[in-house]
Amino acid sequence: MIDMLKAIAEENRLKIIKLLASDSMCVCDIQEKLQLPQNLVSHHIAVLKKAGLIESCRCGKNNFYSLNKQSFNQVHNLLIKLGE
């Protein structure tokens, strides 16, 4: 859980999570929407994936990333409990 919280504590990673909450995307789509260099987007995706917050699926030459809703719900529920 600590790794998940650390992963979402960074602004760009939070933006990536917000994008992936609605649809799966490849790095190039995320890069375009956030106007960030590809290597930086790839780094943030690696951190989110390692924390278990996103998943990947290979389709042709591209990897598509999506939100791991089960893991994200765990973080969400923890934050709600902390706010009580």
N, C-alpha and C. Protein backbone atom coordinates (compact mmCIF):
# COMPACT_ATOMS: atom_id res chain seq x y z
N MET A 1 0.83 -1.19 0.00
CA MET A 1 0.00 0.00 0.00
C MET A 1 0.87 1.26 0.00
N ILE A 2 1.98 1.22 0.71
CA ILE A 2 2.87 2.38 0.76
C ILE A 2 3.42 2.70 -0.62
N ASP A 3 3.80 1.66 -1.38
CA ASP A 3 4.30 1.88 -2.74
C ASP A 3 3.25 2.51 -3.63
N MET A 4 1.99 2.10 -3.44
CA MET A 4 0.91 2.69 -4.24
C MET A 4 0.73 4.17 -3.90
N LEU A 5 0.76 4.48 -2.62
CA LEU A 5 0.60 5.88 -2.20
C LEU A 5 1.76 6.74 -2.68
N LYS A 6 2.97 6.21 -2.61
CA LYS A 6 4.14 6.95 -3.12
C LYS A 6 4.01 7.18 -4.63
N ALA A 7 3.51 6.18 -5.33
CA ALA A 7 3.39 6.28 -6.79
C ALA A 7 2.40 7.37 -7.20
N ILE A 8 1.31 7.49 -6.48
CA ILE A 8 0.30 8.49 -6.87
C ILE A 8 0.59 9.87 -6.29
N ALA A 9 1.65 9.98 -5.48
CA ALA A 9 1.98 11.27 -4.86
C ALA A 9 2.62 12.25 -5.85
N GLU A 10 2.99 11.78 -7.03
CA GLU A 10 3.63 12.63 -8.02
C GLU A 10 2.58 13.13 -9.01
N GLU A 11 2.61 14.41 -9.32
CA GLU A 11 1.57 15.05 -10.13
C GLU A 11 1.37 14.40 -11.50
N ASN A 12 2.44 14.12 -12.23
CA ASN A 12 2.29 13.53 -13.57
C ASN A 12 1.72 12.12 -13.51
N ARG A 13 2.09 11.36 -12.49
CA ARG A 13 1.54 10.01 -12.35
C ARG A 13 0.06 10.07 -12.02
N LEU A 14 -0.33 11.05 -11.24
CA LEU A 14 -1.75 11.24 -10.94
C LEU A 14 -2.52 11.60 -12.22
N LYS A 15 -1.92 12.40 -13.07
CA LYS A 15 -2.54 12.74 -14.36
C LYS A 15 -2.68 11.51 -15.25
N ILE A 16 -1.67 10.65 -15.24
CA ILE A 16 -1.72 9.42 -16.04
C ILE A 16 -2.85 8.53 -15.53
N ILE A 17 -2.98 8.41 -14.22
CA ILE A 17 -4.06 7.61 -13.64
C ILE A 17 -5.41 8.17 -14.06
N LYS A 18 -5.54 9.47 -14.05
CA LYS A 18 -6.80 10.09 -14.46
C LYS A 18 -7.12 9.77 -15.91
N LEU A 19 -6.12 9.82 -16.78
CA LEU A 19 -6.33 9.47 -18.19
C LEU A 19 -6.75 8.01 -18.34
N LEU A 20 -6.08 7.13 -17.62
CA LEU A 20 -6.34 5.70 -17.76
C LEU A 20 -7.63 5.26 -17.07
N ALA A 21 -8.19 6.11 -16.24
CA ALA A 21 -9.45 5.77 -15.56
C ALA A 21 -10.59 5.66 -16.57
N SER A 22 -10.47 6.36 -17.69
CA SER A 22 -11.55 6.34 -18.66
C SER A 22 -11.31 5.39 -19.83
N ASP A 23 -10.03 5.11 -20.14
CA ASP A 23 -9.75 4.26 -21.30
C ASP A 23 -8.30 3.79 -21.26
N SER A 24 -8.00 2.67 -21.91
CA SER A 24 -6.62 2.23 -22.02
C SER A 24 -5.93 3.07 -23.10
N MET A 25 -4.63 3.26 -22.93
CA MET A 25 -3.88 4.11 -23.85
C MET A 25 -2.46 3.57 -24.01
N CYS A 26 -1.84 3.93 -25.13
CA CYS A 26 -0.42 3.62 -25.32
C CYS A 26 0.40 4.83 -24.87
N VAL A 27 1.70 4.62 -24.73
CA VAL A 27 2.59 5.68 -24.26
C VAL A 27 2.49 6.91 -25.16
N CYS A 28 2.41 6.70 -26.47
CA CYS A 28 2.37 7.84 -27.39
C CYS A 28 1.12 8.70 -27.17
N ASP A 29 -0.02 8.07 -26.85
CA ASP A 29 -1.24 8.83 -26.57
C ASP A 29 -1.11 9.62 -25.27
N ILE A 30 -0.55 8.99 -24.26
CA ILE A 30 -0.36 9.66 -22.97
C ILE A 30 0.60 10.83 -23.14
N GLN A 31 1.68 10.58 -23.86
CA GLN A 31 2.68 11.62 -24.13
C GLN A 31 2.05 12.83 -24.81
N GLU A 32 1.23 12.56 -25.79
CA GLU A 32 0.58 13.65 -26.53
C GLU A 32 -0.35 14.46 -25.64
N LYS A 33 -1.15 13.78 -24.84
CA LYS A 33 -2.12 14.47 -23.98
C LYS A 33 -1.45 15.28 -22.88
N LEU A 34 -0.35 14.78 -22.32
CA LEU A 34 0.32 15.46 -21.22
C LEU A 34 1.44 16.39 -21.67
N GLN A 35 1.79 16.31 -22.96
CA GLN A 35 2.88 17.13 -23.50
C GLN A 35 4.18 16.93 -22.70
N LEU A 36 4.52 15.64 -22.50
CA LEU A 36 5.75 15.26 -21.79
C LEU A 36 6.61 14.42 -22.72
N PRO A 37 7.92 14.41 -22.49
CA PRO A 37 8.79 13.55 -23.31
C PRO A 37 8.46 12.08 -23.10
N GLN A 38 8.68 11.28 -24.14
CA GLN A 38 8.34 9.87 -24.10
C GLN A 38 9.07 9.14 -22.98
N ASN A 39 10.36 9.47 -22.77
CA ASN A 39 11.12 8.77 -21.73
C ASN A 39 10.58 9.07 -20.33
N LEU A 40 10.07 10.26 -20.11
CA LEU A 40 9.50 10.62 -18.82
C LEU A 40 8.17 9.89 -18.60
N VAL A 41 7.35 9.82 -19.63
CA VAL A 41 6.08 9.09 -19.54
C VAL A 41 6.36 7.61 -19.27
N SER A 42 7.34 7.04 -19.97
CA SER A 42 7.69 5.64 -19.75
C SER A 42 8.16 5.40 -18.33
N HIS A 43 8.93 6.33 -17.78
CA HIS A 43 9.39 6.21 -16.39
C HIS A 43 8.21 6.19 -15.43
N HIS A 44 7.29 7.14 -15.60
CA HIS A 44 6.12 7.21 -14.72
C HIS A 44 5.26 5.95 -14.84
N ILE A 45 5.11 5.45 -16.05
CA ILE A 45 4.33 4.22 -16.26
C ILE A 45 5.01 3.05 -15.54
N ALA A 46 6.33 2.98 -15.61
CA ALA A 46 7.05 1.90 -14.93
C ALA A 46 6.82 1.95 -13.42
N VAL A 47 6.84 3.14 -12.85
CA VAL A 47 6.60 3.29 -11.41
C VAL A 47 5.17 2.85 -11.06
N LEU A 48 4.20 3.29 -11.85
CA LEU A 48 2.80 2.92 -11.59
C LEU A 48 2.58 1.42 -11.76
N LYS A 49 3.23 0.85 -12.76
CA LYS A 49 3.09 -0.59 -12.99
C LYS A 49 3.72 -1.39 -11.86
N LYS A 50 4.89 -0.98 -11.42
CA LYS A 50 5.58 -1.66 -10.31
C LYS A 50 4.74 -1.60 -9.03
N ALA A 51 4.04 -0.49 -8.83
CA ALA A 51 3.18 -0.33 -7.66
C ALA A 51 1.88 -1.11 -7.80
N GLY A 52 1.62 -1.64 -8.98
CA GLY A 52 0.40 -2.43 -9.20
C GLY A 52 -0.83 -1.62 -9.53
N LEU A 53 -0.64 -0.34 -9.85
CA LEU A 53 -1.79 0.52 -10.12
C LEU A 53 -2.26 0.47 -11.57
N ILE A 54 -1.37 0.07 -12.47
CA ILE A 54 -1.78 -0.06 -13.87
C ILE A 54 -1.34 -1.42 -14.40
N GLU A 55 -1.99 -1.82 -15.48
CA GLU A 55 -1.71 -3.09 -16.15
C GLU A 55 -1.39 -2.80 -17.61
N SER A 56 -0.72 -3.74 -18.25
CA SER A 56 -0.40 -3.54 -19.67
C SER A 56 -0.88 -4.73 -20.48
N CYS A 57 -1.15 -4.44 -21.75
CA CYS A 57 -1.58 -5.46 -22.69
C CYS A 57 -0.91 -5.15 -24.03
N ARG A 58 -0.23 -6.13 -24.59
CA ARG A 58 0.47 -5.93 -25.86
C ARG A 58 -0.51 -6.12 -27.02
N CYS A 59 -0.51 -5.14 -27.92
CA CYS A 59 -1.35 -5.22 -29.11
C CYS A 59 -0.49 -4.78 -30.30
N GLY A 60 -0.03 -5.74 -31.07
CA GLY A 60 0.88 -5.42 -32.18
C GLY A 60 2.20 -4.93 -31.63
N LYS A 61 2.65 -3.78 -32.08
CA LYS A 61 3.92 -3.21 -31.62
C LYS A 61 3.77 -2.41 -30.33
N ASN A 62 2.55 -2.07 -29.96
CA ASN A 62 2.33 -1.18 -28.83
C ASN A 62 1.86 -1.91 -27.58
N ASN A 63 2.26 -1.37 -26.44
CA ASN A 63 1.69 -1.77 -25.16
C ASN A 63 0.60 -0.78 -24.82
N PHE A 64 -0.54 -1.28 -24.42
CA PHE A 64 -1.62 -0.42 -23.96
C PHE A 64 -1.75 -0.57 -22.45
N TYR A 65 -1.91 0.54 -21.79
CA TYR A 65 -1.96 0.56 -20.34
C TYR A 65 -3.37 0.91 -19.88
N SER A 66 -3.78 0.29 -18.80
CA SER A 66 -5.09 0.57 -18.22
C SER A 66 -4.97 0.56 -16.70
N LEU A 67 -5.92 1.19 -16.08
CA LEU A 67 -5.95 1.26 -14.63
C LEU A 67 -6.30 -0.11 -14.05
N ASN A 68 -5.53 -0.54 -13.05
CA ASN A 68 -5.86 -1.75 -12.30
C ASN A 68 -6.90 -1.33 -11.27
N LYS A 69 -8.16 -1.49 -11.62
CA LYS A 69 -9.25 -0.96 -10.79
C LYS A 69 -9.28 -1.58 -9.39
N GLN A 70 -8.93 -2.85 -9.28
CA GLN A 70 -8.93 -3.50 -7.97
C GLN A 70 -7.89 -2.84 -7.05
N SER A 71 -6.69 -2.64 -7.53
CA SER A 71 -5.65 -2.00 -6.72
C SER A 71 -6.01 -0.55 -6.41
N PHE A 72 -6.52 0.15 -7.41
CA PHE A 72 -6.87 1.55 -7.19
C PHE A 72 -8.00 1.67 -6.17
N ASN A 73 -8.96 0.74 -6.20
CA ASN A 73 -10.04 0.76 -5.22
C ASN A 73 -9.51 0.54 -3.81
N GLN A 74 -8.47 -0.28 -3.66
CA GLN A 74 -7.86 -0.48 -2.34
C GLN A 74 -7.30 0.83 -1.81
N VAL A 75 -6.60 1.56 -2.65
CA VAL A 75 -6.05 2.86 -2.26
C VAL A 75 -7.18 3.82 -1.92
N HIS A 76 -8.19 3.85 -2.76
CA HIS A 76 -9.34 4.72 -2.55
C HIS A 76 -10.00 4.43 -1.20
N ASN A 77 -10.23 3.16 -0.90
CA ASN A 77 -10.86 2.79 0.36
C ASN A 77 -10.00 3.16 1.56
N LEU A 78 -8.68 3.00 1.43
CA LEU A 78 -7.78 3.39 2.52
C LEU A 78 -7.88 4.89 2.78
N LEU A 79 -7.87 5.68 1.72
CA LEU A 79 -7.96 7.13 1.88
C LEU A 79 -9.29 7.56 2.51
N ILE A 80 -10.34 6.86 2.18
CA ILE A 80 -11.63 7.17 2.79
C ILE A 80 -11.58 6.87 4.29
N LYS A 81 -11.01 5.73 4.66
CA LYS A 81 -10.90 5.37 6.08
C LYS A 81 -10.04 6.37 6.83
N LEU A 82 -8.97 6.83 6.22
CA LEU A 82 -8.11 7.81 6.87
C LEU A 82 -8.81 9.15 7.08
N GLY A 83 -9.75 9.45 6.21
CA GLY A 83 -10.48 10.72 6.29
C GLY A 83 -11.63 10.70 7.29
N GLU A 84 -11.93 9.55 7.82
CA GLU A 84 -13.07 9.45 8.76
C GLU A 84 -12.71 9.97 10.13
